[in-house]
């Protein structure tokens, strides 16, 4: 486990700054491929919401490649709330 300024991409969100990196240099490419495969599997599922691009246009979201800061949690919570507020 190490740290680097490598850029990772989730959706169109680019992670910069101090980031966790795997020893596997292909990790970012594997993640991108995985996202593409999952998006194909869920595209016709009405009960699955794709939040892949939820952080586009925001900064300082990710602590590392999978953990987010408070503001990332807030953005996710607000997005989920917008989807369910009419049934609450």
PDB file of N, CA and C in Angstrom:
ATOM      1  N   UNK A   1       0.856  -1.168   0.000  1.00  0.00           N
ATOM      2  CA  UNK A   1       0.000   0.000   0.000  1.00  0.00           C
ATOM      3  C   UNK A   1       0.897   1.225   0.000  1.00  0.00           C
ATOM      4  N   UNK A   2       0.571   2.205  -0.835  1.00  0.00           N
ATOM      5  CA  UNK A   2       1.375   3.409  -0.897  1.00  0.00           C
ATOM      6  C   UNK A   2       0.538   4.593  -1.290  1.00  0.00           C
ATOM      7  N   UNK A   3       1.166   5.729  -1.371  1.00  0.00           N
ATOM      8  CA  UNK A   3       0.447   6.945  -1.752  1.00  0.00           C
ATOM      9  C   UNK A   3       1.134   7.576  -2.944  1.00  0.00           C
ATOM     10  N   UNK A   4       0.326   8.238  -3.763  1.00  0.00           N
ATOM     11  CA  UNK A   4       0.851   8.835  -4.981  1.00  0.00           C
ATOM     12  C   UNK A   4      -0.105   9.920  -5.439  1.00  0.00           C
ATOM     13  N   UNK A   5       0.290  10.658  -6.449  1.00  0.00           N
ATOM     14  CA  UNK A   5      -0.618  11.661  -7.016  1.00  0.00           C
ATOM     15  C   UNK A   5      -1.220  11.151  -8.320  1.00  0.00           C
ATOM     16  N   UNK A   6      -1.244   9.848  -8.501  1.00  0.00           N
ATOM     17  CA  UNK A   6      -1.849   9.236  -9.673  1.00  0.00           C
ATOM     18  C   UNK A   6      -3.299   9.674  -9.805  1.00  0.00           C
ATOM     19  N   UNK A   7      -3.751   9.888 -11.030  1.00  0.00           N
ATOM     20  CA  UNK A   7      -5.146  10.260 -11.257  1.00  0.00           C
ATOM     21  C   UNK A   7      -5.955   9.000 -11.561  1.00  0.00           C
ATOM     22  N   UNK A   8      -7.041   8.814 -10.837  1.00  0.00           N
ATOM     23  CA  UNK A   8      -7.990   7.738 -11.104  1.00  0.00           C
ATOM     24  C   UNK A   8      -9.261   8.377 -11.620  1.00  0.00           C
ATOM     25  N   UNK A   9     -10.022   7.638 -12.368  1.00  0.00           N
ATOM     26  CA  UNK A   9     -11.261   8.173 -12.918  1.00  0.00           C
ATOM     27  C   UNK A   9     -12.418   7.252 -12.553  1.00  0.00           C
ATOM     28  N   UNK A  10     -13.440   7.799 -11.923  1.00  0.00           N
ATOM     29  CA  UNK A  10     -14.684   7.101 -11.624  1.00  0.00           C
ATOM     30  C   UNK A  10     -15.785   7.916 -12.270  1.00  0.00           C
ATOM     31  N   UNK A  11     -16.476   7.324 -13.204  1.00  0.00           N
ATOM     32  CA  UNK A  11     -17.404   8.116 -14.005  1.00  0.00           C
ATOM     33  C   UNK A  11     -16.539   9.106 -14.764  1.00  0.00           C
ATOM     34  N   UNK A  12     -16.878  10.364 -14.686  1.00  0.00           N
ATOM     35  CA  UNK A  12     -16.036  11.394 -15.272  1.00  0.00           C
ATOM     36  C   UNK A  12     -15.276  12.146 -14.199  1.00  0.00           C
ATOM     37  N   UNK A  13     -15.386  11.678 -12.955  1.00  0.00           N
ATOM     38  CA  UNK A  13     -14.723  12.331 -11.828  1.00  0.00           C
ATOM     39  C   UNK A  13     -13.277  11.872 -11.771  1.00  0.00           C
ATOM     40  N   UNK A  14     -12.363  12.806 -11.777  1.00  0.00           N
ATOM     41  CA  UNK A  14     -10.939  12.486 -11.737  1.00  0.00           C
ATOM     42  C   UNK A  14     -10.406  12.744 -10.335  1.00  0.00           C
ATOM     43  N   UNK A  15      -9.833  11.706  -9.738  1.00  0.00           N
ATOM     44  CA  UNK A  15      -9.287  11.826  -8.394  1.00  0.00           C
ATOM     45  C   UNK A  15      -7.846  12.304  -8.501  1.00  0.00           C
ATOM     46  N   UNK A  16      -7.539  13.369  -7.806  1.00  0.00           N
ATOM     47  CA  UNK A  16      -6.169  13.875  -7.800  1.00  0.00           C
ATOM     48  C   UNK A  16      -5.722  14.071  -6.362  1.00  0.00           C
ATOM     49  N   UNK A  17      -4.471  14.357  -6.171  1.00  0.00           N
ATOM     50  CA  UNK A  17      -3.956  14.583  -4.827  1.00  0.00           C
ATOM     51  C   UNK A  17      -3.391  13.313  -4.249  1.00  0.00           C
ATOM     52  N   UNK A  18      -3.323  13.264  -2.949  1.00  0.00           N
ATOM     53  CA  UNK A  18      -2.759  12.119  -2.252  1.00  0.00           C
ATOM     54  C   UNK A  18      -3.738  10.961  -2.304  1.00  0.00           C
ATOM     55  N   UNK A  19      -3.434   9.960  -3.069  1.00  0.00           N
ATOM     56  CA  UNK A  19      -4.373   8.852  -3.279  1.00  0.00           C
ATOM     57  C   UNK A  19      -3.718   7.510  -2.969  1.00  0.00           C
ATOM     58  N   UNK A  20      -4.521   6.579  -2.504  1.00  0.00           N
ATOM     59  CA  UNK A  20      -4.070   5.213  -2.304  1.00  0.00           C
ATOM     60  C   UNK A  20      -3.825   4.598  -3.659  1.00  0.00           C
ATOM     61  N   UNK A  21      -2.745   3.859  -3.795  1.00  0.00           N
ATOM     62  CA  UNK A  21      -2.489   3.148  -5.044  1.00  0.00           C
ATOM     63  C   UNK A  21      -2.185   1.695  -4.744  1.00  0.00           C
ATOM     64  N   UNK A  22      -2.667   0.838  -5.567  1.00  0.00           N
ATOM     65  CA  UNK A  22      -2.396  -0.579  -5.466  1.00  0.00           C
ATOM     66  C   UNK A  22      -1.040  -0.850  -6.099  1.00  0.00           C
ATOM     67  N   UNK A  23      -0.427  -1.947  -5.721  1.00  0.00           N
ATOM     68  CA  UNK A  23       0.818  -2.348  -6.389  1.00  0.00           C
ATOM     69  C   UNK A  23       0.538  -2.752  -7.827  1.00  0.00           C
ATOM     70  N   UNK A  24      -0.710  -3.058  -8.108  1.00  0.00           N
ATOM     71  CA  UNK A  24      -1.132  -3.433  -9.451  1.00  0.00           C
ATOM     72  C   UNK A  24      -1.317  -2.165 -10.273  1.00  0.00           C
ATOM     73  N   UNK A  25      -0.409  -1.902 -11.165  1.00  0.00           N
ATOM     74  CA  UNK A  25      -0.448  -0.670 -11.973  1.00  0.00           C
ATOM     75  C   UNK A  25      -1.625  -0.653 -12.950  1.00  0.00           C
ATOM     76  N   UNK A  26      -2.231  -1.803 -13.181  1.00  0.00           N
ATOM     77  CA  UNK A  26      -3.385  -1.887 -14.067  1.00  0.00           C
ATOM     78  C   UNK A  26      -4.695  -1.624 -13.332  1.00  0.00           C
ATOM     79  N   UNK A  27      -4.624  -1.392 -12.033  1.00  0.00           N
ATOM     80  CA  UNK A  27      -5.822  -1.203 -11.215  1.00  0.00           C
ATOM     81  C   UNK A  27      -6.800  -0.180 -11.791  1.00  0.00           C
ATOM     82  N   UNK A  28      -6.360   1.021 -12.149  1.00  0.00           N
ATOM     83  CA  UNK A  28      -7.320   1.997 -12.701  1.00  0.00           C
ATOM     84  C   UNK A  28      -8.025   1.487 -13.964  1.00  0.00           C
ATOM     85  N   UNK A  29      -7.308   0.759 -14.801  1.00  0.00           N
ATOM     86  CA  UNK A  29      -7.897   0.237 -16.038  1.00  0.00           C
ATOM     87  C   UNK A  29      -8.887  -0.889 -15.735  1.00  0.00           C
ATOM     88  N   UNK A  30      -8.561  -1.705 -14.729  1.00  0.00           N
ATOM     89  CA  UNK A  30      -9.471  -2.778 -14.333  1.00  0.00           C
ATOM     90  C   UNK A  30     -10.759  -2.204 -13.762  1.00  0.00           C
ATOM     91  N   UNK A  31     -10.635  -1.166 -12.963  1.00  0.00           N
ATOM     92  CA  UNK A  31     -11.817  -0.529 -12.387  1.00  0.00           C
ATOM     93  C   UNK A  31     -12.687   0.057 -13.485  1.00  0.00           C
ATOM     94  N   UNK A  32     -12.088   0.747 -14.451  1.00  0.00           N
ATOM     95  CA  UNK A  32     -12.842   1.325 -15.571  1.00  0.00           C
ATOM     96  C   UNK A  32     -13.583   0.232 -16.339  1.00  0.00           C
ATOM     97  N   UNK A  33     -12.899  -0.868 -16.605  1.00  0.00           N
ATOM     98  CA  UNK A  33     -13.526  -1.977 -17.335  1.00  0.00           C
ATOM     99  C   UNK A  33     -14.680  -2.562 -16.517  1.00  0.00           C
ATOM    100  N   UNK A  34     -14.474  -2.725 -15.221  1.00  0.00           N
ATOM    101  CA  UNK A  34     -15.513  -3.251 -14.349  1.00  0.00           C
ATOM    102  C   UNK A  34     -16.746  -2.354 -14.389  1.00  0.00           C
ATOM    103  N   UNK A  35     -16.552  -1.037 -14.295  1.00  0.00           N
ATOM    104  CA  UNK A  35     -17.663  -0.086 -14.364  1.00  0.00           C
ATOM    105  C   UNK A  35     -18.423  -0.236 -15.676  1.00  0.00           C
ATOM    106  N   UNK A  36     -17.700  -0.354 -16.765  1.00  0.00           N
ATOM    107  CA  UNK A  36     -18.349  -0.492 -18.072  1.00  0.00           C
ATOM    108  C   UNK A  36     -19.187  -1.760 -18.140  1.00  0.00           C
ATOM    109  N   UNK A  37     -18.662  -2.853 -17.604  1.00  0.00           N
ATOM    110  CA  UNK A  37     -19.391  -4.123 -17.618  1.00  0.00           C
ATOM    111  C   UNK A  37     -20.638  -4.058 -16.738  1.00  0.00           C
ATOM    112  N   UNK A  38     -20.507  -3.485 -15.562  1.00  0.00           N
ATOM    113  CA  UNK A  38     -21.653  -3.376 -14.653  1.00  0.00           C
ATOM    114  C   UNK A  38     -22.725  -2.472 -15.247  1.00  0.00           C
ATOM    115  N   UNK A  39     -22.315  -1.361 -15.862  1.00  0.00           N
ATOM    116  CA  UNK A  39     -23.295  -0.447 -16.473  1.00  0.00           C
ATOM    117  C   UNK A  39     -24.121  -1.167 -17.545  1.00  0.00           C
ATOM    118  N   UNK A  40     -23.505  -2.056 -18.297  1.00  0.00           N
ATOM    119  CA  UNK A  40     -24.245  -2.829 -19.302  1.00  0.00           C
ATOM    120  C   UNK A  40     -25.253  -3.763 -18.638  1.00  0.00           C
ATOM    121  N   UNK A  41     -24.850  -4.375 -17.520  1.00  0.00           N
ATOM    122  CA  UNK A  41     -25.729  -5.313 -16.825  1.00  0.00           C
ATOM    123  C   UNK A  41     -26.943  -4.636 -16.198  1.00  0.00           C
ATOM    124  N   UNK A  42     -26.804  -3.389 -15.791  1.00  0.00           N
ATOM    125  CA  UNK A  42     -27.898  -2.721 -15.072  1.00  0.00           C
ATOM    126  C   UNK A  42     -28.723  -1.770 -15.930  1.00  0.00           C
ATOM    127  N   UNK A  43     -28.351  -1.565 -17.174  1.00  0.00           N
ATOM    128  CA  UNK A  43     -29.007  -0.534 -17.969  1.00  0.00           C
ATOM    129  C   UNK A  43     -30.507  -0.741 -18.132  1.00  0.00           C
ATOM    130  N   UNK A  44     -30.987  -1.963 -18.081  1.00  0.00           N
ATOM    131  CA  UNK A  44     -32.431  -2.194 -18.231  1.00  0.00           C
ATOM    132  C   UNK A  44     -33.129  -2.479 -16.895  1.00  0.00           C
ATOM    133  N   UNK A  45     -32.426  -2.288 -15.797  1.00  0.00           N
ATOM    134  CA  UNK A  45     -32.986  -2.534 -14.465  1.00  0.00           C
ATOM    135  C   UNK A  45     -33.509  -1.228 -13.876  1.00  0.00           C
ATOM    136  N   UNK A  46     -34.807  -1.109 -13.762  1.00  0.00           N
ATOM    137  CA  UNK A  46     -35.407   0.128 -13.255  1.00  0.00           C
ATOM    138  C   UNK A  46     -35.209   0.300 -11.756  1.00  0.00           C
ATOM    139  N   UNK A  47     -34.889  -0.757 -11.058  1.00  0.00           N
ATOM    140  CA  UNK A  47     -34.723  -0.711  -9.614  1.00  0.00           C
ATOM    141  C   UNK A  47     -33.287  -0.414  -9.175  1.00  0.00           C
ATOM    142  N   UNK A  48     -32.386  -0.187 -10.132  1.00  0.00           N
ATOM    143  CA  UNK A  48     -30.996   0.155  -9.820  1.00  0.00           C
ATOM    144  C   UNK A  48     -30.726   1.567 -10.322  1.00  0.00           C
ATOM    145  N   UNK A  49     -30.220   2.412  -9.445  1.00  0.00           N
ATOM    146  CA  UNK A  49     -29.899   3.795  -9.803  1.00  0.00           C
ATOM    147  C   UNK A  49     -28.398   3.906 -10.007  1.00  0.00           C
ATOM    148  N   UNK A  50     -27.994   4.421 -11.136  1.00  0.00           N
ATOM    149  CA  UNK A  50     -26.573   4.576 -11.456  1.00  0.00           C
ATOM    150  C   UNK A  50     -26.095   5.945 -10.982  1.00  0.00           C
ATOM    151  N   UNK A  51     -25.289   5.943  -9.940  1.00  0.00           N
ATOM    152  CA  UNK A  51     -24.724   7.183  -9.401  1.00  0.00           C
ATOM    153  C   UNK A  51     -23.260   7.364  -9.834  1.00  0.00           C
ATOM    154  N   UNK A  52     -22.856   6.724 -10.903  1.00  0.00           N
ATOM    155  CA  UNK A  52     -21.466   6.766 -11.340  1.00  0.00           C
ATOM    156  C   UNK A  52     -20.929   8.187 -11.461  1.00  0.00           C
ATOM    157  N   UNK A  53     -21.714   9.102 -11.975  1.00  0.00           N
ATOM    158  CA  UNK A  53     -21.233  10.464 -12.234  1.00  0.00           C
ATOM    159  C   UNK A  53     -21.688  11.480 -11.191  1.00  0.00           C
ATOM    160  N   UNK A  54     -22.086  11.009 -10.033  1.00  0.00           N
ATOM    161  CA  UNK A  54     -22.660  11.881  -9.016  1.00  0.00           C
ATOM    162  C   UNK A  54     -21.699  12.974  -8.534  1.00  0.00           C
ATOM    163  N   UNK A  55     -20.411  12.708  -8.581  1.00  0.00           N
ATOM    164  CA  UNK A  55     -19.439  13.678  -8.064  1.00  0.00           C
ATOM    165  C   UNK A  55     -18.815  14.555  -9.143  1.00  0.00           C
ATOM    166  N   UNK A  56     -19.286  14.427 -10.366  1.00  0.00           N
ATOM    167  CA  UNK A  56     -18.760  15.284 -11.436  1.00  0.00           C
ATOM    168  C   UNK A  56     -18.959  16.752 -11.064  1.00  0.00           C
ATOM    169  N   UNK A  57     -17.946  17.545 -11.280  1.00  0.00           N
ATOM    170  CA  UNK A  57     -18.026  18.975 -10.994  1.00  0.00           C
ATOM    171  C   UNK A  57     -17.712  19.334  -9.553  1.00  0.00           C
ATOM    172  N   UNK A  58     -17.435  18.339  -8.717  1.00  0.00           N
ATOM    173  CA  UNK A  58     -17.104  18.588  -7.316  1.00  0.00           C
ATOM    174  C   UNK A  58     -15.622  18.298  -7.084  1.00  0.00           C
ATOM    175  N   UNK A  59     -15.071  18.898  -6.054  1.00  0.00           N
ATOM    176  CA  UNK A  59     -13.660  18.679  -5.721  1.00  0.00           C
ATOM    177  C   UNK A  59     -13.542  18.101  -4.319  1.00  0.00           C
ATOM    178  N   UNK A  60     -12.397  17.487  -4.058  1.00  0.00           N
ATOM    179  CA  UNK A  60     -12.077  16.941  -2.737  1.00  0.00           C
ATOM    180  C   UNK A  60     -13.161  16.007  -2.220  1.00  0.00           C
ATOM    181  N   UNK A  61     -13.512  15.019  -3.021  1.00  0.00           N
ATOM    182  CA  UNK A  61     -14.531  14.054  -2.650  1.00  0.00           C
ATOM    183  C   UNK A  61     -13.910  12.809  -2.025  1.00  0.00           C
ATOM    184  N   UNK A  62     -12.917  12.249  -2.701  1.00  0.00           N
ATOM    185  CA  UNK A  62     -12.352  10.977  -2.280  1.00  0.00           C
ATOM    186  C   UNK A  62     -11.152  11.130  -1.355  1.00  0.00           C
ATOM    187  N   UNK A  63     -11.156  10.316  -0.283  1.00  0.00           N
ATOM    188  CA  UNK A  63      -9.998  10.215   0.621  1.00  0.00           C
ATOM    189  C   UNK A  63      -8.961   9.307  -0.027  1.00  0.00           C
ATOM    190  N   UNK A  64      -9.425   8.215  -0.607  1.00  0.00           N
ATOM    191  CA  UNK A  64      -8.581   7.293  -1.355  1.00  0.00           C
ATOM    192  C   UNK A  64      -9.429   6.764  -2.508  1.00  0.00           C
ATOM    193  N   UNK A  65      -9.118   5.608  -3.040  1.00  0.00           N
ATOM    194  CA  UNK A  65      -9.841   5.148  -4.228  1.00  0.00           C
ATOM    195  C   UNK A  65     -11.255   4.670  -3.963  1.00  0.00           C
ATOM    196  N   UNK A  66     -11.658   4.555  -2.695  1.00  0.00           N
ATOM    197  CA  UNK A  66     -13.035   4.119  -2.439  1.00  0.00           C
ATOM    198  C   UNK A  66     -13.703   4.804  -1.250  1.00  0.00           C
ATOM    199  N   UNK A  67     -12.982   5.541  -0.448  1.00  0.00           N
ATOM    200  CA  UNK A  67     -13.574   6.227   0.704  1.00  0.00           C
ATOM    201  C   UNK A  67     -13.740   7.709   0.395  1.00  0.00           C
ATOM    202  N   UNK A  68     -14.848   8.271   0.869  1.00  0.00           N
ATOM    203  CA  UNK A  68     -15.134   9.667   0.561  1.00  0.00           C
ATOM    204  C   UNK A  68     -15.168  10.514   1.828  1.00  0.00           C
ATOM    205  N   UNK A  69     -14.925  11.791   1.628  1.00  0.00           N
ATOM    206  CA  UNK A  69     -15.003  12.762   2.715  1.00  0.00           C
ATOM    207  C   UNK A  69     -16.465  13.084   3.027  1.00  0.00           C
ATOM    208  N   UNK A  70     -16.682  13.876   4.077  1.00  0.00           N
ATOM    209  CA  UNK A  70     -18.029  14.283   4.496  1.00  0.00           C
ATOM    210  C   UNK A  70     -18.844  14.901   3.366  1.00  0.00           C
ATOM    211  N   UNK A  71     -18.202  15.760   2.582  1.00  0.00           N
ATOM    212  CA  UNK A  71     -18.960  16.413   1.510  1.00  0.00           C
ATOM    213  C   UNK A  71     -19.425  15.397   0.459  1.00  0.00           C
ATOM    214  N   UNK A  72     -18.672  14.323   0.258  1.00  0.00           N
ATOM    215  CA  UNK A  72     -19.118  13.259  -0.651  1.00  0.00           C
ATOM    216  C   UNK A  72     -20.343  12.556  -0.104  1.00  0.00           C
ATOM    217  N   UNK A  73     -20.350  12.306   1.204  1.00  0.00           N
ATOM    218  CA  UNK A  73     -21.524  11.710   1.846  1.00  0.00           C
ATOM    219  C   UNK A  73     -22.736  12.615   1.711  1.00  0.00           C
ATOM    220  N   UNK A  74     -22.523  13.918   1.868  1.00  0.00           N
ATOM    221  CA  UNK A  74     -23.624  14.876   1.754  1.00  0.00           C
ATOM    222  C   UNK A  74     -24.209  14.857   0.339  1.00  0.00           C
ATOM    223  N   UNK A  75     -23.350  14.861  -0.660  1.00  0.00           N
ATOM    224  CA  UNK A  75     -23.803  14.843  -2.054  1.00  0.00           C
ATOM    225  C   UNK A  75     -24.613  13.571  -2.329  1.00  0.00           C
ATOM    226  N   UNK A  76     -24.120  12.437  -1.847  1.00  0.00           N
ATOM    227  CA  UNK A  76     -24.836  11.172  -2.045  1.00  0.00           C
ATOM    228  C   UNK A  76     -26.179  11.206  -1.322  1.00  0.00           C
ATOM    229  N   UNK A  77     -26.187  11.657  -0.072  1.00  0.00           N
ATOM    230  CA  UNK A  77     -27.434  11.716   0.705  1.00  0.00           C
ATOM    231  C   UNK A  77     -28.458  12.625   0.037  1.00  0.00           C
ATOM    232  N   UNK A  78     -28.030  13.772  -0.448  1.00  0.00           N
ATOM    233  CA  UNK A  78     -28.953  14.687  -1.119  1.00  0.00           C
ATOM    234  C   UNK A  78     -29.518  14.066  -2.393  1.00  0.00           C
ATOM    235  N   UNK A  79     -28.691  13.340  -3.116  1.00  0.00           N
ATOM    236  CA  UNK A  79     -29.149  12.701  -4.353  1.00  0.00           C
ATOM    237  C   UNK A  79     -30.164  11.609  -4.069  1.00  0.00           C
ATOM    238  N   UNK A  80     -29.909  10.804  -3.052  1.00  0.00           N
ATOM    239  CA  UNK A  80     -30.851   9.753  -2.677  1.00  0.00           C
ATOM    240  C   UNK A  80     -32.154  10.387  -2.193  1.00  0.00           C
ATOM    241  N   UNK A  81     -32.034  11.426  -1.380  1.00  0.00           N
ATOM    242  CA  UNK A  81     -33.227  12.116  -0.880  1.00  0.00           C
ATOM    243  C   UNK A  81     -34.099  12.631  -2.032  1.00  0.00           C
ATOM    244  N   UNK A  82     -33.484  13.211  -3.048  1.00  0.00           N
ATOM    245  CA  UNK A  82     -34.249  13.717  -4.191  1.00  0.00           C
ATOM    246  C   UNK A  82     -35.037  12.597  -4.868  1.00  0.00           C
ATOM    247  N   UNK A  83     -34.508  11.387  -4.840  1.00  0.00           N
ATOM    248  CA  UNK A  83     -35.200  10.255  -5.458  1.00  0.00           C
ATOM    249  C   UNK A  83     -36.368   9.739  -4.623  1.00  0.00           C
ATOM    250  N   UNK A  84     -36.255   9.848  -3.299  1.00  0.00           N
ATOM    251  CA  UNK A  84     -37.266   9.233  -2.434  1.00  0.00           C
ATOM    252  C   UNK A  84     -38.189  10.219  -1.720  1.00  0.00           C
ATOM    253  N   UNK A  85     -37.934  11.507  -1.836  1.00  0.00           N
ATOM    254  CA  UNK A  85     -38.684  12.482  -1.045  1.00  0.00           C
ATOM    255  C   UNK A  85     -40.192  12.440  -1.273  1.00  0.00           C
ATOM    256  N   UNK A  86     -40.627  12.100  -2.456  1.00  0.00           N
ATOM    257  CA  UNK A  86     -42.058  12.079  -2.747  1.00  0.00           C
ATOM    258  C   UNK A  86     -42.784  10.895  -2.115  1.00  0.00           C
ATOM    259  N   UNK A  87     -42.050   9.881  -1.700  1.00  0.00           N
ATOM    260  CA  UNK A  87     -42.683   8.714  -1.087  1.00  0.00           C
ATOM    261  C   UNK A  87     -42.496   8.682   0.421  1.00  0.00           C
ATOM    262  N   UNK A  88     -41.827   9.685   0.979  1.00  0.00           N
ATOM    263  CA  UNK A  88     -41.623   9.729   2.427  1.00  0.00           C
ATOM    264  C   UNK A  88     -42.853  10.229   3.147  1.00  0.00           C
TER     265      UNK A  88
END
